[in-house]
Amino acid sequence: IEISAQFTSDGTMHILGYCLDEKDRGFQESLQFLKDARKERNPKIIERMNDAGISITLGDVLAESGGGEVGRPHFARALVKKGHAASIADAFERYLSKGAPCYVDKTRLSPADSIALILRAGGVPVLAHPGSLNLSWEELEELVRKLVGWGMMGIECFYSTHTPEDTGRYLATVEAFGLVATGGTDFHGKNRPKTKLGTGLGDLSIPHEVFDRLVSLSL
């Protein structure tokens, strides 16, 4: 699972949960709470679009989701299909990104609660793609210290947009705090067509022992 946690008043951090028991009752109840909050958000986005003169319905968006959970990428695809945007990126920039006229914020857990949720389900909580937080190395180290205090067990060190220097610094941080180094492609299907499952932007390679370590930590 990847949880968007509230990091600052206008920013988020992503926390990954590996090897967890998805049937855990508390875990399921918390996810349902977040799903319900998202469903309440969707009509508000539609209302803002309609107020802006955009002819689009919730049915149009649901059709793009294929019956699954609805998120902003489905709104973006509906906007493109209806001729209100040239591309998904254009739809986000003009209407759906934070600060855009049709953006509606969603309910998020705190980092501490996100970590606790994953731990409750027997999983391994990991800070995802730390470079996206735009912190200095000193600020990141302080953040990691705080997250570890809440139970975080790893950092996503191997990631397509990390430079060799980035990866080296993250691996050093992992070693300093006794954490597990993980890696991921951040694959999101059609929403990120350049990101390939298994290889990210084309050349990502993650050692298999990463998986073995995650499994051992979750037991």
N, C-alpha and C. Protein backbone atom coordinates (compact mmCIF):
# COMPACT_ATOMS: atom_id res chain seq x y z
N ILE A 1 0.85 -1.18 0.00
CA ILE A 1 0.00 0.00 0.00
C ILE A 1 0.89 1.23 0.00
N GLU A 2 0.38 2.31 -0.58
CA GLU A 2 1.05 3.60 -0.54
C GLU A 2 0.07 4.61 0.04
N ILE A 3 0.42 5.20 1.16
CA ILE A 3 -0.46 6.13 1.86
C ILE A 3 0.07 7.55 1.70
N SER A 4 -0.81 8.46 1.29
CA SER A 4 -0.46 9.88 1.24
C SER A 4 -0.72 10.47 2.62
N ALA A 5 0.33 10.81 3.33
CA ALA A 5 0.21 11.34 4.68
C ALA A 5 0.42 12.86 4.67
N GLN A 6 -0.24 13.55 5.59
CA GLN A 6 -0.09 15.00 5.68
C GLN A 6 1.28 15.33 6.25
N PHE A 7 2.08 16.03 5.48
CA PHE A 7 3.45 16.34 5.89
C PHE A 7 3.56 17.77 6.39
N THR A 8 3.10 18.72 5.59
CA THR A 8 3.03 20.12 5.97
C THR A 8 1.62 20.60 5.69
N SER A 9 1.35 21.88 5.95
CA SER A 9 0.00 22.40 5.74
C SER A 9 -0.44 22.28 4.29
N ASP A 10 0.53 22.27 3.36
CA ASP A 10 0.16 22.19 1.95
C ASP A 10 0.95 21.12 1.20
N GLY A 11 1.51 20.15 1.95
CA GLY A 11 2.30 19.11 1.30
C GLY A 11 2.08 17.75 1.92
N THR A 12 2.44 16.71 1.15
CA THR A 12 2.26 15.34 1.62
C THR A 12 3.57 14.56 1.51
N MET A 13 3.63 13.48 2.26
CA MET A 13 4.69 12.50 2.09
C MET A 13 4.01 11.15 1.84
N HIS A 14 4.69 10.29 1.12
CA HIS A 14 4.13 8.98 0.82
C HIS A 14 4.83 7.93 1.67
N ILE A 15 4.01 7.09 2.30
CA ILE A 15 4.53 6.02 3.15
C ILE A 15 4.05 4.69 2.61
N LEU A 16 5.01 3.80 2.34
CA LEU A 16 4.72 2.50 1.79
C LEU A 16 4.56 1.47 2.90
N GLY A 17 3.68 0.50 2.67
CA GLY A 17 3.51 -0.61 3.61
C GLY A 17 3.70 -1.93 2.88
N TYR A 18 4.69 -2.71 3.31
CA TYR A 18 4.99 -3.98 2.65
C TYR A 18 4.62 -5.16 3.55
N CYS A 19 4.27 -6.28 2.90
CA CYS A 19 4.10 -7.58 3.59
C CYS A 19 3.10 -7.50 4.74
N LEU A 20 2.03 -6.75 4.55
CA LEU A 20 1.05 -6.61 5.64
C LEU A 20 -0.14 -7.55 5.44
N ASP A 21 -0.90 -7.71 6.50
CA ASP A 21 -2.12 -8.52 6.46
C ASP A 21 -3.28 -7.61 6.08
N GLU A 22 -3.66 -7.63 4.81
CA GLU A 22 -4.69 -6.71 4.34
C GLU A 22 -6.07 -7.04 4.91
N LYS A 23 -6.20 -8.19 5.57
CA LYS A 23 -7.49 -8.56 6.15
C LYS A 23 -7.63 -8.10 7.61
N ASP A 24 -6.59 -7.50 8.16
CA ASP A 24 -6.66 -7.01 9.53
C ASP A 24 -7.84 -6.05 9.68
N ARG A 25 -8.63 -6.24 10.71
CA ARG A 25 -9.88 -5.48 10.85
C ARG A 25 -9.63 -3.98 11.00
N GLY A 26 -8.70 -3.61 11.87
CA GLY A 26 -8.40 -2.19 12.06
C GLY A 26 -7.87 -1.54 10.79
N PHE A 27 -7.05 -2.29 10.07
CA PHE A 27 -6.50 -1.81 8.81
C PHE A 27 -7.62 -1.55 7.81
N GLN A 28 -8.55 -2.50 7.69
CA GLN A 28 -9.67 -2.36 6.77
C GLN A 28 -10.58 -1.20 7.15
N GLU A 29 -10.81 -1.01 8.44
CA GLU A 29 -11.67 0.08 8.89
C GLU A 29 -11.05 1.44 8.56
N SER A 30 -9.76 1.56 8.74
CA SER A 30 -9.08 2.82 8.43
C SER A 30 -9.11 3.10 6.93
N LEU A 31 -8.89 2.06 6.13
CA LEU A 31 -8.94 2.24 4.68
C LEU A 31 -10.35 2.63 4.22
N GLN A 32 -11.35 2.04 4.86
CA GLN A 32 -12.72 2.38 4.50
C GLN A 32 -13.02 3.83 4.81
N PHE A 33 -12.50 4.32 5.93
CA PHE A 33 -12.66 5.72 6.30
C PHE A 33 -12.07 6.63 5.22
N LEU A 34 -10.88 6.27 4.73
CA LEU A 34 -10.23 7.08 3.70
C LEU A 34 -10.99 6.98 2.37
N LYS A 35 -11.50 5.79 2.05
CA LYS A 35 -12.27 5.62 0.82
C LYS A 35 -13.56 6.45 0.86
N ASP A 36 -14.24 6.42 2.02
CA ASP A 36 -15.48 7.20 2.16
C ASP A 36 -15.20 8.69 2.01
N ALA A 37 -14.08 9.14 2.58
CA ALA A 37 -13.72 10.56 2.48
C ALA A 37 -13.45 10.93 1.02
N ARG A 38 -12.84 10.01 0.28
CA ARG A 38 -12.55 10.27 -1.14
C ARG A 38 -13.86 10.36 -1.92
N LYS A 39 -14.80 9.49 -1.60
CA LYS A 39 -16.09 9.52 -2.30
C LYS A 39 -16.82 10.84 -2.05
N GLU A 40 -16.68 11.38 -0.85
CA GLU A 40 -17.31 12.66 -0.53
C GLU A 40 -16.62 13.80 -1.26
N ARG A 41 -15.36 13.61 -1.59
CA ARG A 41 -14.58 14.65 -2.28
C ARG A 41 -14.97 14.75 -3.75
N ASN A 42 -15.27 13.62 -4.38
CA ASN A 42 -15.50 13.60 -5.82
C ASN A 42 -16.63 14.52 -6.28
N PRO A 43 -17.80 14.52 -5.64
CA PRO A 43 -18.86 15.44 -6.07
C PRO A 43 -18.47 16.91 -5.93
N LYS A 44 -17.60 17.21 -4.97
CA LYS A 44 -17.16 18.59 -4.78
C LYS A 44 -16.30 19.04 -5.96
N ILE A 45 -15.48 18.12 -6.49
CA ILE A 45 -14.67 18.44 -7.66
C ILE A 45 -15.57 18.68 -8.87
N ILE A 46 -16.58 17.82 -9.01
CA ILE A 46 -17.54 17.98 -10.12
C ILE A 46 -18.24 19.33 -10.02
N GLU A 47 -18.63 19.69 -8.80
CA GLU A 47 -19.32 20.97 -8.60
C GLU A 47 -18.43 22.14 -9.01
N ARG A 48 -17.17 22.09 -8.66
CA ARG A 48 -16.25 23.17 -9.04
C ARG A 48 -16.06 23.23 -10.56
N MET A 49 -16.00 22.06 -11.17
CA MET A 49 -15.86 22.04 -12.63
C MET A 49 -17.09 22.62 -13.31
N ASN A 50 -18.26 22.23 -12.83
CA ASN A 50 -19.49 22.75 -13.41
C ASN A 50 -19.61 24.25 -13.21
N ASP A 51 -19.20 24.73 -12.03
CA ASP A 51 -19.23 26.17 -11.76
C ASP A 51 -18.29 26.93 -12.70
N ALA A 52 -17.22 26.22 -13.15
CA ALA A 52 -16.25 26.84 -14.06
C ALA A 52 -16.68 26.71 -15.52
N GLY A 53 -17.89 26.16 -15.73
CA GLY A 53 -18.41 26.04 -17.10
C GLY A 53 -17.98 24.78 -17.81
N ILE A 54 -17.44 23.80 -17.07
CA ILE A 54 -17.01 22.54 -17.68
C ILE A 54 -18.15 21.54 -17.60
N SER A 55 -18.58 21.04 -18.74
CA SER A 55 -19.68 20.09 -18.79
C SER A 55 -19.16 18.68 -18.57
N ILE A 56 -19.26 18.22 -17.33
CA ILE A 56 -18.78 16.88 -16.97
C ILE A 56 -19.60 16.38 -15.80
N THR A 57 -19.87 15.09 -15.77
CA THR A 57 -20.67 14.49 -14.70
C THR A 57 -19.84 13.46 -13.94
N LEU A 58 -20.32 13.08 -12.78
CA LEU A 58 -19.65 12.04 -12.01
C LEU A 58 -19.68 10.72 -12.78
N GLY A 59 -20.74 10.52 -13.55
CA GLY A 59 -20.83 9.32 -14.37
C GLY A 59 -19.71 9.24 -15.39
N ASP A 60 -19.34 10.40 -15.97
CA ASP A 60 -18.23 10.43 -16.92
C ASP A 60 -16.93 9.96 -16.25
N VAL A 61 -16.75 10.39 -15.01
CA VAL A 61 -15.53 10.04 -14.28
C VAL A 61 -15.55 8.57 -13.86
N LEU A 62 -16.70 8.11 -13.39
CA LEU A 62 -16.83 6.71 -12.98
C LEU A 62 -16.54 5.77 -14.15
N ALA A 63 -16.93 6.19 -15.34
CA ALA A 63 -16.67 5.37 -16.54
C ALA A 63 -15.18 5.20 -16.77
N GLU A 64 -14.39 6.21 -16.41
CA GLU A 64 -12.94 6.14 -16.59
C GLU A 64 -12.27 5.27 -15.54
N SER A 65 -12.92 5.10 -14.40
CA SER A 65 -12.32 4.32 -13.31
C SER A 65 -12.52 2.82 -13.50
N GLY A 66 -13.43 2.43 -14.39
CA GLY A 66 -13.68 1.01 -14.61
C GLY A 66 -14.28 0.31 -13.41
N GLY A 67 -14.95 1.07 -12.55
CA GLY A 67 -15.58 0.49 -11.38
C GLY A 67 -14.70 0.48 -10.14
N GLY A 68 -13.46 0.94 -10.27
CA GLY A 68 -12.56 0.98 -9.12
C GLY A 68 -12.66 2.29 -8.37
N GLU A 69 -11.73 2.49 -7.42
CA GLU A 69 -11.71 3.73 -6.66
C GLU A 69 -11.42 4.90 -7.60
N VAL A 70 -12.13 5.99 -7.40
CA VAL A 70 -11.97 7.16 -8.26
C VAL A 70 -10.94 8.11 -7.68
N GLY A 71 -10.03 8.57 -8.53
CA GLY A 71 -9.03 9.55 -8.13
C GLY A 71 -8.89 10.61 -9.20
N ARG A 72 -8.03 11.59 -8.95
CA ARG A 72 -7.87 12.69 -9.90
C ARG A 72 -7.47 12.25 -11.31
N PRO A 73 -6.67 11.19 -11.47
CA PRO A 73 -6.34 10.76 -12.84
C PRO A 73 -7.58 10.41 -13.67
N HIS A 74 -8.62 9.89 -13.00
CA HIS A 74 -9.84 9.56 -13.73
C HIS A 74 -10.58 10.83 -14.15
N PHE A 75 -10.54 11.85 -13.30
CA PHE A 75 -11.09 13.15 -13.69
C PHE A 75 -10.33 13.69 -14.90
N ALA A 76 -9.01 13.54 -14.85
CA ALA A 76 -8.17 14.05 -15.93
C ALA A 76 -8.51 13.37 -17.25
N ARG A 77 -8.66 12.04 -17.21
CA ARG A 77 -8.98 11.32 -18.44
C ARG A 77 -10.35 11.73 -18.98
N ALA A 78 -11.30 11.96 -18.08
CA ALA A 78 -12.63 12.40 -18.51
C ALA A 78 -12.57 13.78 -19.15
N LEU A 79 -11.74 14.65 -18.59
CA LEU A 79 -11.58 15.99 -19.16
C LEU A 79 -10.99 15.92 -20.56
N VAL A 80 -10.02 15.04 -20.75
CA VAL A 80 -9.42 14.88 -22.07
C VAL A 80 -10.44 14.34 -23.06
N LYS A 81 -11.19 13.31 -22.63
CA LYS A 81 -12.17 12.69 -23.51
C LYS A 81 -13.27 13.67 -23.92
N LYS A 82 -13.63 14.57 -22.99
CA LYS A 82 -14.70 15.54 -23.27
C LYS A 82 -14.18 16.78 -23.98
N GLY A 83 -12.88 16.83 -24.24
CA GLY A 83 -12.31 17.94 -24.98
C GLY A 83 -11.98 19.18 -24.17
N HIS A 84 -11.93 19.03 -22.85
CA HIS A 84 -11.63 20.18 -21.99
C HIS A 84 -10.14 20.30 -21.67
N ALA A 85 -9.35 19.31 -22.08
CA ALA A 85 -7.91 19.33 -21.84
C ALA A 85 -7.23 18.57 -22.97
N ALA A 86 -6.01 18.98 -23.27
CA ALA A 86 -5.27 18.36 -24.37
C ALA A 86 -4.63 17.05 -23.96
N SER A 87 -4.33 16.91 -22.68
CA SER A 87 -3.67 15.71 -22.17
C SER A 87 -3.93 15.60 -20.68
N ILE A 88 -3.55 14.47 -20.09
CA ILE A 88 -3.70 14.30 -18.65
C ILE A 88 -2.87 15.34 -17.90
N ALA A 89 -1.66 15.58 -18.39
CA ALA A 89 -0.80 16.59 -17.76
C ALA A 89 -1.44 17.97 -17.84
N ASP A 90 -2.04 18.28 -18.97
CA ASP A 90 -2.71 19.56 -19.16
C ASP A 90 -3.91 19.68 -18.22
N ALA A 91 -4.66 18.59 -18.05
CA ALA A 91 -5.82 18.59 -17.15
C ALA A 91 -5.41 18.86 -15.71
N PHE A 92 -4.30 18.25 -15.29
CA PHE A 92 -3.82 18.48 -13.93
C PHE A 92 -3.36 19.92 -13.77
N GLU A 93 -2.60 20.40 -14.72
CA GLU A 93 -2.05 21.76 -14.61
C GLU A 93 -3.15 22.81 -14.57
N ARG A 94 -4.15 22.66 -15.40
CA ARG A 94 -5.20 23.69 -15.52
C ARG A 94 -6.31 23.56 -14.47
N TYR A 95 -6.59 22.31 -14.05
CA TYR A 95 -7.77 22.11 -13.21
C TYR A 95 -7.56 21.35 -11.90
N LEU A 96 -6.65 20.37 -11.86
CA LEU A 96 -6.67 19.39 -10.79
C LEU A 96 -5.50 19.42 -9.82
N SER A 97 -4.40 20.08 -10.16
CA SER A 97 -3.26 20.12 -9.24
C SER A 97 -3.55 21.06 -8.08
N LYS A 98 -2.80 20.91 -7.03
CA LYS A 98 -3.00 21.75 -5.85
C LYS A 98 -2.84 23.22 -6.23
N GLY A 99 -3.87 24.02 -5.89
CA GLY A 99 -3.88 25.43 -6.25
C GLY A 99 -4.66 25.72 -7.50
N ALA A 100 -4.99 24.69 -8.29
CA ALA A 100 -5.79 24.87 -9.50
C ALA A 100 -7.26 25.09 -9.11
N PRO A 101 -8.07 25.68 -9.99
CA PRO A 101 -9.44 26.08 -9.64
C PRO A 101 -10.38 24.95 -9.23
N CYS A 102 -10.13 23.72 -9.69
CA CYS A 102 -11.05 22.62 -9.37
C CYS A 102 -10.48 21.65 -8.34
N TYR A 103 -9.33 22.00 -7.75
CA TYR A 103 -8.72 21.11 -6.77
C TYR A 103 -9.48 21.14 -5.45
N VAL A 104 -9.70 19.96 -4.89
CA VAL A 104 -10.30 19.83 -3.56
C VAL A 104 -9.39 18.91 -2.76
N ASP A 105 -8.94 19.38 -1.61
CA ASP A 105 -8.03 18.58 -0.79
C ASP A 105 -8.76 17.36 -0.25
N LYS A 106 -7.99 16.32 0.09
CA LYS A 106 -8.61 15.11 0.61
C LYS A 106 -8.15 14.85 2.04
N THR A 107 -8.93 14.04 2.73
CA THR A 107 -8.61 13.68 4.10
C THR A 107 -7.38 12.79 4.12
N ARG A 108 -6.43 13.11 4.97
CA ARG A 108 -5.21 12.32 5.07
C ARG A 108 -4.90 11.97 6.52
N LEU A 109 -4.20 10.87 6.70
CA LEU A 109 -3.69 10.52 8.02
C LEU A 109 -2.37 11.26 8.25
N SER A 110 -1.98 11.38 9.49
CA SER A 110 -0.66 11.93 9.80
C SER A 110 0.39 10.86 9.51
N PRO A 111 1.66 11.24 9.38
CA PRO A 111 2.71 10.24 9.20
C PRO A 111 2.73 9.21 10.34
N ALA A 112 2.56 9.68 11.57
CA ALA A 112 2.58 8.75 12.71
C ALA A 112 1.44 7.75 12.63
N ASP A 113 0.24 8.22 12.28
CA ASP A 113 -0.92 7.33 12.18
C ASP A 113 -0.78 6.38 10.99
N SER A 114 -0.17 6.86 9.90
CA SER A 114 0.04 6.00 8.74
C SER A 114 0.98 4.85 9.09
N ILE A 115 2.05 5.18 9.79
CA ILE A 115 3.01 4.16 10.21
C ILE A 115 2.36 3.17 11.16
N ALA A 116 1.59 3.70 12.13
CA ALA A 116 0.92 2.83 13.10
C ALA A 116 -0.06 1.89 12.42
N LEU A 117 -0.75 2.38 11.39
CA LEU A 117 -1.71 1.57 10.65
C LEU A 117 -1.02 0.38 9.99
N ILE A 118 0.12 0.64 9.36
CA ILE A 118 0.87 -0.43 8.69
C ILE A 118 1.42 -1.42 9.71
N LEU A 119 1.95 -0.91 10.81
CA LEU A 119 2.49 -1.80 11.84
C LEU A 119 1.40 -2.67 12.45
N ARG A 120 0.21 -2.10 12.64
CA ARG A 120 -0.89 -2.87 13.22
C ARG A 120 -1.22 -4.08 12.35
N ALA A 121 -1.09 -3.90 11.03
CA ALA A 121 -1.39 -4.99 10.10
C ALA A 121 -0.18 -5.89 9.88
N GLY A 122 0.86 -5.75 10.71
CA GLY A 122 2.02 -6.62 10.61
C GLY A 122 2.96 -6.28 9.48
N GLY A 123 2.82 -5.06 8.92
CA GLY A 123 3.62 -4.69 7.77
C GLY A 123 4.89 -3.92 8.11
N VAL A 124 5.63 -3.58 7.07
CA VAL A 124 6.88 -2.85 7.20
C VAL A 124 6.68 -1.47 6.60
N PRO A 125 6.64 -0.40 7.44
CA PRO A 125 6.46 0.96 6.91
C PRO A 125 7.76 1.56 6.40
N VAL A 126 7.66 2.17 5.21
CA VAL A 126 8.85 2.68 4.52
C VAL A 126 8.56 4.07 3.96
N LEU A 127 9.51 4.99 4.11
CA LEU A 127 9.38 6.31 3.51
C LEU A 127 9.63 6.20 2.01
N ALA A 128 8.63 6.62 1.21
CA ALA A 128 8.75 6.51 -0.24
C ALA A 128 9.49 7.71 -0.83
N HIS A 129 10.20 7.45 -1.94
CA HIS A 129 10.92 8.46 -2.75
C HIS A 129 11.18 9.77 -1.99
N PRO A 130 12.10 9.74 -1.03
CA PRO A 130 12.35 10.90 -0.17
C PRO A 130 12.75 12.17 -0.91
N GLY A 131 13.27 12.03 -2.12
CA GLY A 131 13.66 13.22 -2.88
C GLY A 131 12.50 14.12 -3.20
N SER A 132 11.28 13.57 -3.24
CA SER A 132 10.11 14.37 -3.56
C SER A 132 9.75 15.35 -2.45
N LEU A 133 10.35 15.19 -1.28
CA LEU A 133 10.06 16.09 -0.15
C LEU A 133 10.83 17.41 -0.25
N ASN A 134 11.82 17.44 -1.14
CA ASN A 134 12.61 18.66 -1.36
C ASN A 134 13.23 19.20 -0.07
N LEU A 135 13.85 18.30 0.69
CA LEU A 135 14.49 18.69 1.94
C LEU A 135 16.02 18.68 1.76
N SER A 136 16.69 19.46 2.58
CA SER A 136 18.15 19.37 2.61
C SER A 136 18.51 18.06 3.30
N TRP A 137 19.77 17.64 3.16
CA TRP A 137 20.18 16.39 3.80
C TRP A 137 20.01 16.47 5.32
N GLU A 138 20.29 17.63 5.89
CA GLU A 138 20.14 17.81 7.34
C GLU A 138 18.67 17.70 7.74
N GLU A 139 17.79 18.33 6.96
CA GLU A 139 16.35 18.28 7.26
C GLU A 139 15.82 16.86 7.11
N LEU A 140 16.30 16.15 6.08
CA LEU A 140 15.85 14.78 5.87
C LEU A 140 16.28 13.88 7.02
N GLU A 141 17.51 14.06 7.47
CA GLU A 141 18.00 13.24 8.59
C GLU A 141 17.16 13.48 9.84
N GLU A 142 16.80 14.72 10.09
CA GLU A 142 15.96 15.02 11.25
C GLU A 142 14.57 14.40 11.09
N LEU A 143 14.03 14.45 9.87
CA LEU A 143 12.73 13.83 9.62
C LEU A 143 12.80 12.32 9.82
N VAL A 144 13.84 11.69 9.29
CA VAL A 144 13.99 10.25 9.44
C VAL A 144 14.07 9.87 10.91
N ARG A 145 14.79 10.65 11.69
CA ARG A 145 14.90 10.39 13.13
C ARG A 145 13.51 10.39 13.78
N LYS A 146 12.67 11.34 13.38
CA LYS A 146 11.32 11.43 13.92
C LYS A 146 10.47 10.25 13.47
N LEU A 147 10.56 9.91 12.18
CA LEU A 147 9.76 8.80 11.65
C LEU A 147 10.16 7.47 12.28
N VAL A 148 11.47 7.29 12.48
CA VAL A 148 11.94 6.06 13.12
C VAL A 148 11.38 5.96 14.54
N GLY A 149 11.28 7.09 15.21
CA GLY A 149 10.70 7.09 16.55
C GLY A 149 9.25 6.64 16.56
N TRP A 150 8.56 6.83 15.43
CA TRP A 150 7.16 6.39 15.30
C TRP A 150 7.05 4.96 14.78
N GLY A 151 8.19 4.35 14.41
CA GLY A 151 8.17 2.96 13.98
C GLY A 151 8.52 2.71 12.53
N MET A 152 8.93 3.74 11.79
CA MET A 152 9.31 3.52 10.40
C MET A 152 10.53 2.59 10.33
N MET A 153 10.54 1.70 9.33
CA MET A 153 11.56 0.66 9.26
C MET A 153 12.42 0.71 8.01
N GLY A 154 12.12 1.62 7.07
CA GLY A 154 12.91 1.63 5.85
C GLY A 154 12.78 2.91 5.05
N ILE A 155 13.64 3.04 4.04
CA ILE A 155 13.62 4.17 3.11
C ILE A 155 13.72 3.63 1.69
N GLU A 156 12.95 4.18 0.79
CA GLU A 156 13.02 3.78 -0.62
C GLU A 156 14.25 4.44 -1.25
N CYS A 157 15.32 3.68 -1.30
CA CYS A 157 16.60 4.20 -1.80
C CYS A 157 16.73 4.08 -3.31
N PHE A 158 16.21 3.00 -3.88
CA PHE A 158 16.33 2.74 -5.32
C PHE A 158 15.08 3.25 -6.03
N TYR A 159 15.25 4.29 -6.85
CA TYR A 159 14.11 4.96 -7.47
C TYR A 159 14.59 5.62 -8.76
N SER A 160 13.74 5.65 -9.77
CA SER A 160 14.19 6.06 -11.11
C SER A 160 14.81 7.45 -11.17
N THR A 161 14.29 8.40 -10.42
CA THR A 161 14.79 9.77 -10.53
C THR A 161 15.89 10.09 -9.53
N HIS A 162 16.30 9.12 -8.73
CA HIS A 162 17.43 9.34 -7.81
C HIS A 162 18.74 9.32 -8.60
N THR A 163 19.58 10.27 -8.32
CA THR A 163 20.93 10.25 -8.90
C THR A 163 21.77 9.24 -8.12
N PRO A 164 22.90 8.82 -8.67
CA PRO A 164 23.79 7.93 -7.91
C PRO A 164 24.17 8.53 -6.55
N GLU A 165 24.35 9.86 -6.52
CA GLU A 165 24.67 10.52 -5.25
C GLU A 165 23.50 10.39 -4.28
N ASP A 166 22.28 10.62 -4.78
CA ASP A 166 21.09 10.48 -3.94
C ASP A 166 21.03 9.08 -3.34
N THR A 167 21.15 8.07 -4.21
CA THR A 167 21.06 6.69 -3.75
C THR A 167 22.11 6.40 -2.69
N GLY A 168 23.32 6.87 -2.91
CA GLY A 168 24.38 6.66 -1.95
C GLY A 168 24.08 7.30 -0.60
N ARG A 169 23.55 8.51 -0.61
CA ARG A 169 23.22 9.20 0.65
C ARG A 169 22.08 8.50 1.37
N TYR A 170 21.08 8.05 0.61
CA TYR A 170 19.96 7.35 1.25
C TYR A 170 20.40 6.02 1.84
N LEU A 171 21.30 5.32 1.13
CA LEU A 171 21.82 4.06 1.67
C LEU A 171 22.64 4.30 2.93
N ALA A 172 23.38 5.40 2.96
CA ALA A 172 24.14 5.74 4.16
C ALA A 172 23.21 6.06 5.33
N THR A 173 22.11 6.73 5.02
CA THR A 173 21.13 7.06 6.06
C THR A 173 20.49 5.80 6.61
N VAL A 174 20.16 4.88 5.70
CA VAL A 174 19.59 3.59 6.11
C VAL A 174 20.53 2.86 7.05
N GLU A 175 21.81 2.83 6.70
CA GLU A 175 22.80 2.14 7.54
C GLU A 175 22.94 2.82 8.89
N ALA A 176 22.92 4.15 8.88
CA ALA A 176 23.11 4.90 10.13
C ALA A 176 21.98 4.65 11.11
N PHE A 177 20.76 4.46 10.59
CA PHE A 177 19.60 4.29 11.47
C PHE A 177 19.17 2.83 11.61
N GLY A 178 19.91 1.92 10.98
CA GLY A 178 19.57 0.51 11.09
C GLY A 178 18.27 0.15 10.39
N LEU A 179 18.03 0.75 9.22
CA LEU A 179 16.78 0.53 8.48
C LEU A 179 17.00 -0.40 7.30
N VAL A 180 15.92 -0.71 6.61
CA VAL A 180 16.00 -1.52 5.40
C VAL A 180 15.92 -0.59 4.19
N ALA A 181 16.74 -0.88 3.18
CA ALA A 181 16.71 -0.11 1.93
C ALA A 181 15.75 -0.81 0.98
N THR A 182 14.80 -0.08 0.43
CA THR A 182 13.87 -0.67 -0.52
C THR A 182 13.96 0.09 -1.85
N GLY A 183 13.21 -0.39 -2.84
CA GLY A 183 13.17 0.28 -4.13
C GLY A 183 11.85 0.03 -4.80
N GLY A 184 11.47 0.92 -5.68
CA GLY A 184 10.20 0.75 -6.38
C GLY A 184 10.12 1.63 -7.62
N THR A 185 9.23 1.25 -8.52
CA THR A 185 9.09 1.97 -9.78
C THR A 185 8.12 3.13 -9.70
N ASP A 186 7.24 3.12 -8.69
CA ASP A 186 6.15 4.10 -8.60
C ASP A 186 5.23 3.96 -9.82
N PHE A 187 5.02 2.73 -10.22
CA PHE A 187 4.17 2.43 -11.37
C PHE A 187 2.71 2.75 -11.05
N HIS A 188 2.08 3.54 -11.90
CA HIS A 188 0.68 3.90 -11.71
C HIS A 188 -0.13 3.66 -12.98
N GLY A 189 0.23 2.63 -13.72
CA GLY A 189 -0.54 2.26 -14.90
C GLY A 189 -0.56 3.33 -15.97
N LYS A 190 -1.71 3.49 -16.62
CA LYS A 190 -1.85 4.42 -17.73
C LYS A 190 -1.62 5.87 -17.32
N ASN A 191 -1.72 6.15 -16.03
CA ASN A 191 -1.54 7.54 -15.58
C ASN A 191 -0.10 8.00 -15.74
N ARG A 192 0.84 7.05 -15.79
CA ARG A 192 2.25 7.38 -15.99
C ARG A 192 2.82 6.46 -17.06
N PRO A 193 2.50 6.72 -18.31
CA PRO A 193 2.86 5.79 -19.39
C PRO A 193 4.36 5.58 -19.57
N LYS A 194 5.19 6.52 -19.13
CA LYS A 194 6.64 6.37 -19.29
C LYS A 194 7.25 5.49 -18.19
N THR A 195 6.49 5.28 -17.12
CA THR A 195 6.98 4.47 -16.01
C THR A 195 6.56 3.01 -16.22
N LYS A 196 7.55 2.14 -16.35
CA LYS A 196 7.28 0.73 -16.66
C LYS A 196 7.31 -0.12 -15.39
N LEU A 197 6.40 -1.07 -15.34
CA LEU A 197 6.36 -2.00 -14.22
C LEU A 197 7.65 -2.81 -14.19
N GLY A 198 8.36 -2.74 -13.07
CA GLY A 198 9.59 -3.52 -12.92
C GLY A 198 10.87 -2.76 -13.22
N THR A 199 10.82 -1.78 -14.14
CA THR A 199 12.04 -1.06 -14.50
C THR A 199 11.89 0.46 -14.41
N GLY A 200 10.77 0.97 -13.93
CA GLY A 200 10.60 2.41 -13.77
C GLY A 200 10.68 3.16 -15.08
N LEU A 201 11.60 4.10 -15.15
CA LEU A 201 11.77 4.89 -16.37
C LEU A 201 12.66 4.17 -17.39
N GLY A 202 12.94 2.91 -17.12
CA GLY A 202 13.63 2.10 -18.13
C GLY A 202 14.81 1.31 -17.65
N ASP A 203 15.50 1.77 -16.59
CA ASP A 203 16.74 1.08 -16.21
C ASP A 203 16.86 0.83 -14.71
N LEU A 204 15.74 0.88 -14.01
CA LEU A 204 15.79 0.66 -12.56
C LEU A 204 16.03 -0.81 -12.26
N SER A 205 16.96 -1.09 -11.37
CA SER A 205 17.27 -2.45 -10.97
C SER A 205 17.33 -2.51 -9.44
N ILE A 206 16.53 -3.37 -8.87
CA ILE A 206 16.44 -3.47 -7.41
C ILE A 206 16.91 -4.86 -6.98
N PRO A 207 17.89 -4.94 -6.10
CA PRO A 207 18.40 -6.25 -5.66
C PRO A 207 17.30 -7.10 -5.03
N HIS A 208 17.29 -8.39 -5.34
CA HIS A 208 16.22 -9.26 -4.82
C HIS A 208 16.30 -9.40 -3.31
N GLU A 209 17.48 -9.21 -2.74
CA GLU A 209 17.59 -9.34 -1.28
C GLU A 209 16.77 -8.28 -0.55
N VAL A 210 16.38 -7.21 -1.24
CA VAL A 210 15.49 -6.21 -0.66
C VAL A 210 14.19 -6.88 -0.25
N PHE A 211 13.64 -7.69 -1.13
CA PHE A 211 12.40 -8.40 -0.84
C PHE A 211 12.58 -9.37 0.32
N ASP A 212 13.69 -10.11 0.30
CA ASP A 212 13.95 -11.08 1.36
C ASP A 212 14.00 -10.39 2.72
N ARG A 213 14.62 -9.21 2.76
CA ARG A 213 14.73 -8.47 4.03
C ARG A 213 13.36 -7.99 4.50
N LEU A 214 12.53 -7.53 3.58
CA LEU A 214 11.19 -7.08 3.94
C LEU A 214 10.37 -8.22 4.54
N VAL A 215 10.46 -9.37 3.91
CA VAL A 215 9.72 -10.53 4.42
C VAL A 215 10.19 -10.89 5.82
N SER A 216 11.49 -10.85 6.04
CA SER A 216 12.02 -11.22 7.37
C SER A 216 11.57 -10.23 8.43
N LEU A 217 11.46 -8.95 8.07
CA LEU A 217 11.03 -7.94 9.03
C LEU A 217 9.55 -8.06 9.37
N SER A 218 8.76 -8.59 8.46
CA SER A 218 7.31 -8.65 8.67
C SER A 218 6.88 -9.86 9.48
N LEU A 219 7.79 -10.82 9.68
CA LEU A 219 7.41 -12.05 10.39
C LEU A 219 7.21 -11.80 11.89
